[in-house]
Amino acid sequence: MRQILFIFLIFLPLVATSAQEKQEQSRYSFFHMDIFDYKYYFCDKCEFPKSTHSLTLNLLGGSSENQYGLVIGTLGNIIENKAYGIQIAGLVNRVDSQGKGLAVAGFLNKYESHIGIQIAFFNSTQKMRGIQIGNNYSADMKGVQIGASNYSADMRGAQIGLYNENEELQMLKAFQIGLINTTKSGFQIGLVNISENNQYPFGLVNIVKNGEMNVGLAYDEIGNMIAQFRSGSRYLYGIVGLGYNIKSSSNHFVLQGGIGAHLNFSSKFRINTEVSIKGLSRTFVYMGRDEKEYEKRKNEFDFKTLTGYSLGIFPSFKFSESIELFGGPTLNYLQTKTLDNKYLFPSHYIWQNFNPISLKQLYIGYSVGLTYVL
């Protein structure tokens, strides 16, 4: 409690209105309390009260022209002009002009412009400078957006969320981290990255308008035959693959994901460096509706899983505009807790740790493949 009081005592003088600003208002009070100004929620033609406050408590919802300091509303706060300081609402903060400071709402922060931090389920601001946390929309953003979904027409900063969208055309103004990122240019880290001219996308699937995509088939030293999709730019790309282990007696399926980089020497020759993860597992399928039978079969089923981590260097030769052959050595780390998988481990190794509960091995392998450029 002392810390909270100390913060308020420091914060209120910093955000208090100047004498000139006070003179511009018809009424000023340090403390104000509203129960519920219903007409300002349901009447579009009603005028706002010409009032300026430094400390406001809206028991349900309240409204004012300016707020300099702290305003708390259990439902909502409506401010026609300026809101400087801290705005906290159970549901909605609405500022029709400019806000500065911290805005926290259970559902929505809606501002014409804001400098500072916004935290809500949904943040909508035409011009934002600072940090937004929630589902965010900003026409002109400088700062950080953190939320399930983030949108900006003009982004200078970072977007962190499940879905990030930025329409800005200029280079390297946006930094996006999410499951799905879309921008015209910038730096992206995600599962799926979509851009027009991003030379360094960092993700498994990278759809670049001026980039490169190819499909292919690869084979490695432990018998994995994998159909692969590579997508990205001329320099950096992502890898996803699905295949089958032809040496396995346990019907192992293979799922692959990775990141690669092109080192271009000519139009016909380049070296690809790739880091990837491969997971091998049997597939369990039960079509019935009996939950007990499902759990019984699932517990009895031995997935015989393996996980492999690989670093590969692959010289690549183009025989035509579309056909490319690659192959080269790999450094691999393979591990499993299913001792029946021992036969899949190569006999040669750099390091090995086989014990009664797990098998682990570091070794040199290879991978070869053929790709078709889309």
Protein backbone atom coordinates (compact mmCIF):
# COMPACT_ATOMS: atom_id res chain seq x y z
CA MET A 1 0.00 0.00 0.00
CA ARG A 2 2.82 2.41 0.77
CA GLN A 3 4.42 1.71 -2.60
CA ILE A 4 1.15 2.41 -4.43
CA LEU A 5 0.61 5.64 -2.51
CA PHE A 6 4.20 6.67 -3.20
CA ILE A 7 3.72 6.11 -6.96
CA PHE A 8 0.54 8.20 -6.99
CA LEU A 9 2.13 11.04 -5.04
CA ILE A 10 5.00 11.20 -7.50
CA PHE A 11 2.93 10.69 -10.61
CA LEU A 12 0.15 13.22 -10.01
CA PRO A 13 2.36 16.35 -9.87
CA LEU A 14 4.14 15.27 -13.03
CA VAL A 15 0.94 15.01 -15.01
CA ALA A 16 -0.97 17.91 -13.42
CA THR A 17 -2.21 20.48 -15.88
CA SER A 18 -0.38 23.75 -16.31
CA ALA A 19 -1.93 27.05 -15.25
CA GLN A 20 -2.54 28.03 -18.85
CA GLU A 21 -4.38 24.79 -19.56
CA LYS A 22 -6.54 25.28 -16.46
CA GLN A 23 -7.56 28.73 -17.63
CA GLU A 24 -8.78 27.26 -20.91
CA GLN A 25 -11.30 25.10 -19.02
CA SER A 26 -14.57 26.39 -17.61
CA ARG A 27 -14.25 24.26 -14.45
CA TYR A 28 -11.38 22.51 -12.70
CA SER A 29 -11.39 20.25 -9.67
CA PHE A 30 -8.71 18.10 -8.17
CA PHE A 31 -11.11 15.30 -7.19
CA HIS A 32 -14.24 14.21 -9.05
CA MET A 33 -16.61 11.25 -8.69
CA ASP A 34 -19.34 10.04 -11.04
CA ILE A 35 -21.87 7.28 -10.61
CA PHE A 36 -22.97 6.85 -14.24
CA ASP A 37 -23.27 9.54 -16.96
CA TYR A 38 -25.60 7.52 -19.14
CA LYS A 39 -26.31 10.32 -21.65
CA TYR A 40 -22.70 10.41 -22.81
CA TYR A 41 -22.80 6.70 -23.63
CA PHE A 42 -26.13 6.67 -25.48
CA CYS A 43 -26.49 10.20 -26.85
CA ASP A 44 -24.22 11.15 -29.76
CA LYS A 45 -25.38 14.79 -29.78
CA CYS A 46 -24.90 15.41 -26.08
CA GLU A 47 -22.04 17.75 -25.19
CA PHE A 48 -19.34 16.75 -22.76
CA PRO A 49 -19.11 18.61 -19.46
CA LYS A 50 -16.48 21.34 -19.58
CA SER A 51 -14.52 19.92 -16.69
CA THR A 52 -10.92 19.06 -15.91
CA HIS A 53 -9.90 16.72 -13.12
CA SER A 54 -6.71 15.33 -11.62
CA LEU A 55 -8.20 12.44 -9.64
CA THR A 56 -11.45 10.83 -10.80
CA LEU A 57 -13.43 7.82 -9.60
CA ASN A 58 -16.22 6.63 -11.88
CA LEU A 59 -18.21 4.13 -9.84
CA LEU A 60 -19.85 2.77 -12.99
CA GLY A 61 -18.86 5.04 -15.84
CA GLY A 62 -18.07 8.72 -16.16
CA SER A 63 -17.05 11.41 -18.60
CA SER A 64 -15.08 14.64 -18.64
CA GLU A 65 -13.33 16.95 -21.07
CA ASN A 66 -9.79 16.57 -19.72
CA GLN A 67 -8.11 14.27 -17.24
CA TYR A 68 -4.68 15.04 -15.77
CA GLY A 69 -3.64 12.40 -13.27
CA LEU A 70 -5.55 9.25 -12.37
CA VAL A 71 -9.00 8.15 -13.55
CA ILE A 72 -10.57 4.83 -12.50
CA GLY A 73 -13.87 3.50 -13.84
CA THR A 74 -15.38 0.15 -12.97
CA LEU A 75 -17.07 0.08 -16.41
CA GLY A 76 -15.65 2.86 -18.53
CA ASN A 77 -14.05 6.29 -18.85
CA ILE A 78 -14.93 8.74 -21.63
CA ILE A 79 -12.68 11.76 -22.14
CA GLU A 80 -13.38 14.20 -24.96
CA ASN A 81 -10.06 15.98 -25.12
CA LYS A 82 -6.84 15.06 -23.27
CA ALA A 83 -6.01 12.29 -20.82
CA TYR A 84 -2.56 12.50 -19.27
CA GLY A 85 -1.52 10.06 -16.58
CA ILE A 86 -3.17 6.74 -15.71
CA GLN A 87 -6.52 5.61 -17.11
CA ILE A 88 -7.95 2.37 -15.68
CA ALA A 89 -11.30 0.92 -16.72
CA GLY A 90 -13.06 -2.36 -16.15
CA LEU A 91 -14.23 -2.39 -19.77
CA VAL A 92 -13.44 0.69 -21.90
CA ASN A 93 -11.17 3.73 -21.97
CA ARG A 94 -12.20 6.15 -24.72
CA VAL A 95 -10.16 9.29 -25.40
CA ASP A 96 -11.29 11.29 -28.42
CA SER A 97 -8.14 13.39 -28.64
CA GLN A 98 -4.73 12.73 -27.09
CA GLY A 99 -3.63 10.39 -24.34
CA LYS A 100 -0.31 10.08 -22.54
CA GLY A 101 0.82 7.61 -19.91
CA LEU A 102 -0.68 4.24 -18.98
CA ALA A 103 -4.07 2.98 -20.21
CA VAL A 104 -5.46 -0.28 -18.79
CA ALA A 105 -8.86 -1.69 -19.74
CA GLY A 106 -10.54 -5.05 -19.46
CA PHE A 107 -11.77 -4.91 -23.06
CA LEU A 108 -10.94 -1.82 -25.13
CA ASN A 109 -8.62 1.17 -25.21
CA LYS A 110 -9.82 3.50 -28.00
CA TYR A 111 -7.70 6.62 -28.54
CA GLU A 112 -7.25 9.12 -31.32
CA SER A 113 -3.55 9.27 -30.40
CA HIS A 114 -1.53 7.95 -27.50
CA ILE A 115 2.01 8.11 -26.15
CA GLY A 116 2.88 5.49 -23.57
CA ILE A 117 1.54 2.03 -22.73
CA GLN A 118 -1.85 0.50 -23.54
CA ILE A 119 -2.98 -2.81 -22.02
CA ALA A 120 -6.34 -4.31 -22.97
CA PHE A 121 -7.96 -7.17 -24.82
CA PHE A 122 -8.25 -4.80 -27.79
CA ASN A 123 -6.37 -1.54 -28.40
CA SER A 124 -7.45 0.82 -31.20
CA THR A 125 -5.35 3.94 -31.77
CA GLN A 126 -4.96 6.07 -34.88
CA LYS A 127 -1.53 7.34 -33.86
CA MET A 128 0.48 5.43 -31.26
CA ARG A 129 3.90 6.00 -29.71
CA GLY A 130 4.82 3.41 -27.10
CA ILE A 131 3.64 -0.08 -26.16
CA GLN A 132 0.31 -1.76 -26.89
CA ILE A 133 -0.58 -5.04 -25.19
CA GLY A 134 -3.70 -6.87 -26.38
CA ASN A 135 -5.38 -7.13 -29.78
CA ASN A 136 -3.99 -4.00 -31.37
CA TYR A 137 -4.88 -1.69 -34.23
CA SER A 138 -2.85 1.41 -35.02
CA ALA A 139 -2.80 3.48 -38.18
CA ASP A 140 0.54 5.08 -37.26
CA MET A 141 2.63 3.14 -34.73
CA LYS A 142 5.97 3.87 -33.11
CA GLY A 143 6.83 1.45 -30.34
CA VAL A 144 5.77 -2.10 -29.46
CA GLN A 145 2.52 -3.96 -30.06
CA ILE A 146 1.96 -7.13 -28.01
CA GLY A 147 -1.22 -9.10 -28.52
CA ALA A 148 -3.05 -11.99 -30.11
CA SER A 149 -3.36 -9.89 -33.27
CA ASN A 150 -1.54 -6.66 -34.20
CA TYR A 151 -2.20 -4.34 -37.13
CA SER A 152 -0.43 -1.19 -38.21
CA ALA A 153 -0.62 0.75 -41.46
CA ASP A 154 2.71 2.45 -40.71
CA MET A 155 4.93 0.60 -38.22
CA ARG A 156 8.20 1.76 -36.72
CA GLY A 157 9.00 -0.70 -33.99
CA ALA A 158 8.04 -4.25 -33.03
CA GLN A 159 4.94 -6.42 -33.27
CA ILE A 160 4.71 -9.50 -31.05
CA GLY A 161 1.65 -11.72 -31.34
CA LEU A 162 -0.05 -14.67 -32.97
CA TYR A 163 -0.88 -12.61 -36.07
CA ASN A 164 1.03 -9.47 -37.07
CA GLU A 165 0.28 -7.25 -40.06
CA ASN A 166 2.12 -4.16 -41.23
CA GLU A 167 1.45 -2.39 -44.52
CA GLU A 168 4.47 -0.06 -44.45
CA LEU A 169 6.50 -0.27 -47.66
CA GLN A 170 9.82 1.13 -46.51
CA MET A 171 12.68 -1.20 -45.56
CA LEU A 172 13.51 -2.45 -42.05
CA LYS A 173 11.04 -0.32 -40.14
CA ALA A 174 9.15 -3.21 -38.55
CA PHE A 175 10.22 -6.14 -36.40
CA GLN A 176 7.65 -8.92 -36.16
CA ILE A 177 7.53 -11.99 -33.91
CA GLY A 178 4.53 -14.28 -34.18
CA LEU A 179 2.95 -17.37 -35.64
CA ILE A 180 1.89 -15.48 -38.78
CA ASN A 181 3.59 -12.26 -39.89
CA THR A 182 2.76 -10.18 -42.91
CA THR A 183 4.50 -6.99 -44.03
CA LYS A 184 5.90 -5.38 -47.15
CA SER A 185 9.38 -5.29 -45.67
CA GLY A 186 11.11 -5.70 -42.32
CA PHE A 187 12.55 -8.42 -40.10
CA GLN A 188 10.27 -11.38 -39.34
CA ILE A 189 10.46 -14.33 -36.94
CA GLY A 190 7.53 -16.71 -37.13
CA LEU A 191 6.00 -19.94 -38.24
CA VAL A 192 4.70 -18.29 -41.43
CA ASN A 193 6.15 -15.05 -42.84
CA ILE A 194 4.59 -13.22 -45.78
CA SER A 195 6.29 -10.22 -47.38
CA GLU A 196 7.00 -8.46 -50.64
CA ASN A 197 10.71 -7.82 -50.27
CA ASN A 198 12.13 -9.39 -47.12
CA GLN A 199 15.60 -10.83 -47.70
CA TYR A 200 15.98 -12.27 -44.19
CA PRO A 201 12.76 -14.00 -43.08
CA PHE A 202 13.25 -16.38 -40.16
CA GLY A 203 10.55 -19.04 -40.21
CA LEU A 204 9.48 -22.43 -41.48
CA VAL A 205 7.31 -21.05 -44.30
CA ASN A 206 8.35 -17.77 -45.93
CA ILE A 207 6.28 -16.45 -48.82
CA VAL A 208 8.33 -13.65 -50.39
CA LYS A 209 7.03 -12.00 -53.56
CA ASN A 210 10.54 -11.57 -54.94
CA GLY A 211 11.87 -14.74 -53.28
CA GLU A 212 12.18 -18.42 -54.09
CA MET A 213 10.19 -21.59 -53.40
CA ASN A 214 11.00 -25.18 -54.29
CA VAL A 215 9.79 -28.71 -53.61
CA GLY A 216 12.02 -31.74 -53.49
CA LEU A 217 12.90 -35.16 -52.18
CA ALA A 218 15.81 -35.92 -49.81
CA TYR A 219 17.38 -39.06 -48.33
CA ASP A 220 19.73 -39.38 -45.34
CA GLU A 221 21.99 -41.94 -43.67
CA ILE A 222 19.39 -43.53 -41.35
CA GLY A 223 16.86 -44.15 -44.13
CA ASN A 224 14.61 -41.07 -43.96
CA MET A 225 12.96 -40.35 -47.31
CA ILE A 226 11.44 -36.87 -46.96
CA ALA A 227 9.35 -34.68 -49.27
CA GLN A 228 10.48 -31.12 -48.58
CA PHE A 229 9.22 -27.59 -49.19
CA ARG A 230 11.72 -24.73 -49.03
CA SER A 231 10.63 -21.10 -49.15
CA GLY A 232 12.28 -17.76 -48.56
CA SER A 233 14.57 -15.21 -50.12
CA ARG A 234 17.77 -15.41 -52.07
CA TYR A 235 19.68 -15.64 -48.78
CA LEU A 236 17.52 -17.12 -46.01
CA TYR A 237 14.78 -19.75 -46.20
CA GLY A 238 12.67 -22.16 -44.19
CA ILE A 239 12.24 -25.93 -44.49
CA VAL A 240 9.24 -28.16 -43.79
CA GLY A 241 9.20 -31.84 -44.64
CA LEU A 242 7.10 -34.97 -44.32
CA GLY A 243 8.39 -38.46 -45.02
CA TYR A 244 8.87 -42.09 -44.09
CA ASN A 245 11.80 -44.13 -42.80
CA ILE A 246 12.35 -46.98 -45.26
CA LYS A 247 14.73 -48.85 -42.89
CA SER A 248 12.32 -48.95 -39.97
CA SER A 249 10.36 -52.09 -39.13
CA SER A 250 8.12 -49.94 -36.87
CA ASN A 251 6.58 -47.86 -39.70
CA HIS A 252 8.13 -44.58 -38.62
CA PHE A 253 6.83 -41.39 -40.18
CA VAL A 254 9.14 -38.35 -40.28
CA LEU A 255 8.33 -34.69 -39.69
CA GLN A 256 11.03 -32.08 -40.39
CA GLY A 257 11.42 -28.36 -39.76
CA GLY A 258 14.43 -26.12 -40.22
CA ILE A 259 16.17 -22.94 -41.34
CA GLY A 260 18.66 -22.61 -44.18
CA ALA A 261 20.95 -20.03 -45.78
CA HIS A 262 22.15 -19.76 -49.37
CA LEU A 263 25.76 -18.86 -50.13
CA ASN A 264 25.53 -17.89 -53.80
CA PHE A 265 28.58 -18.23 -56.06
CA SER A 266 26.94 -18.22 -59.48
CA SER A 267 23.60 -18.84 -61.16
CA LYS A 268 24.50 -22.56 -61.37
CA PHE A 269 26.32 -23.23 -58.10
CA ARG A 270 25.72 -22.36 -54.47
CA ILE A 271 26.23 -23.86 -51.01
CA ASN A 272 23.28 -24.33 -48.69
CA THR A 273 23.77 -24.47 -44.93
CA GLU A 274 20.83 -25.93 -43.03
CA VAL A 275 19.87 -26.52 -39.40
CA SER A 276 16.92 -28.84 -38.93
CA ILE A 277 15.00 -31.02 -36.48
CA LYS A 278 13.53 -34.37 -37.47
CA GLY A 279 10.99 -36.22 -35.40
CA LEU A 280 10.26 -39.89 -36.09
CA SER A 281 7.16 -41.53 -34.70
CA ARG A 282 4.54 -44.16 -35.38
CA THR A 283 1.03 -42.87 -36.00
CA PHE A 284 -1.83 -43.73 -33.64
CA VAL A 285 -5.38 -43.69 -35.06
CA TYR A 286 -8.59 -44.74 -33.29
CA MET A 287 -11.94 -44.20 -35.06
CA GLY A 288 -14.32 -45.31 -32.28
CA ARG A 289 -16.21 -43.25 -29.68
CA ASP A 290 -15.46 -45.30 -26.58
CA GLU A 291 -13.19 -43.09 -24.44
CA LYS A 292 -12.07 -45.98 -22.21
CA GLU A 293 -11.11 -48.06 -25.23
CA TYR A 294 -9.32 -45.05 -26.70
CA GLU A 295 -7.25 -44.54 -23.53
CA LYS A 296 -6.51 -48.26 -23.29
CA ARG A 297 -5.23 -48.51 -26.85
CA LYS A 298 -3.28 -45.29 -26.55
CA ASN A 299 -1.51 -46.51 -23.39
CA GLU A 300 -0.70 -49.84 -25.04
CA PHE A 301 0.60 -48.21 -28.21
CA ASP A 302 4.38 -47.82 -28.44
CA PHE A 303 5.11 -44.70 -30.49
CA LYS A 304 8.81 -45.60 -30.76
CA THR A 305 9.77 -41.95 -31.16
CA LEU A 306 13.19 -40.58 -32.09
CA THR A 307 14.41 -37.00 -32.36
CA GLY A 308 17.31 -35.90 -34.52
CA TYR A 309 19.10 -32.54 -34.75
CA SER A 310 21.17 -31.88 -37.83
CA LEU A 311 23.60 -29.29 -39.23
CA GLY A 312 24.33 -29.79 -42.92
CA ILE A 313 26.49 -28.17 -45.61
CA PHE A 314 25.22 -28.97 -49.10
CA PRO A 315 26.86 -27.93 -52.36
CA SER A 316 24.09 -27.43 -54.90
CA PHE A 317 24.17 -27.56 -58.70
CA LYS A 318 21.48 -26.26 -61.03
CA PHE A 319 21.10 -28.31 -64.21
CA SER A 320 18.36 -26.03 -65.53
CA GLU A 321 16.24 -23.12 -64.37
CA SER A 322 14.09 -25.49 -62.33
CA ILE A 323 16.11 -28.63 -61.46
CA GLU A 324 18.71 -28.55 -58.66
CA LEU A 325 20.77 -31.40 -57.18
CA PHE A 326 22.31 -31.10 -53.69
CA GLY A 327 24.20 -33.29 -51.26
CA GLY A 328 26.77 -33.11 -48.51
CA PRO A 329 27.85 -34.02 -44.97
CA THR A 330 25.82 -33.50 -41.81
CA LEU A 331 26.61 -33.36 -38.10
CA ASN A 332 23.83 -35.18 -36.24
CA TYR A 333 22.61 -35.73 -32.71
CA LEU A 334 20.07 -38.55 -32.41
CA GLN A 335 18.20 -39.54 -29.25
CA THR A 336 15.40 -41.89 -28.19
CA LYS A 337 13.98 -43.50 -25.06
CA THR A 338 12.79 -46.56 -26.99
CA LEU A 339 15.60 -49.11 -26.89
CA ASP A 340 14.03 -51.03 -29.80
CA ASN A 341 15.21 -48.19 -32.05
CA LYS A 342 18.85 -49.10 -31.53
CA TYR A 343 19.11 -50.58 -35.04
CA LEU A 344 18.45 -47.15 -36.58
CA PHE A 345 21.62 -45.66 -35.05
CA PRO A 346 24.70 -45.72 -37.33
CA SER A 347 27.59 -47.97 -36.25
CA HIS A 348 30.08 -45.07 -36.50
CA TYR A 349 29.93 -42.17 -34.06
CA ILE A 350 31.84 -39.29 -32.48
CA TRP A 351 30.20 -39.72 -29.09
CA GLN A 352 27.69 -42.23 -27.74
CA ASN A 353 25.72 -42.78 -24.54
CA PHE A 354 23.64 -45.94 -24.53
CA ASN A 355 22.03 -46.86 -21.20
CA PRO A 356 18.98 -48.84 -20.02
CA ILE A 357 16.62 -45.86 -20.34
CA SER A 358 17.84 -43.92 -23.41
CA LEU A 359 20.04 -43.95 -26.50
CA LYS A 360 22.04 -40.86 -27.50
CA GLN A 361 24.60 -40.46 -30.25
CA LEU A 362 26.59 -37.77 -32.05
CA TYR A 363 27.84 -38.73 -35.49
CA ILE A 364 28.69 -37.62 -39.03
CA GLY A 365 26.10 -38.43 -41.69
CA TYR A 366 24.94 -37.19 -45.07
CA SER A 367 21.92 -36.04 -47.01
CA VAL A 368 21.28 -35.94 -50.78
CA GLY A 369 18.31 -34.66 -52.70
CA LEU A 370 16.71 -33.22 -55.80
CA THR A 371 14.57 -30.07 -55.89
CA TYR A 372 12.26 -28.41 -58.37
CA VAL A 373 12.11 -24.60 -58.28
CA LEU A 374 8.54 -23.31 -58.44
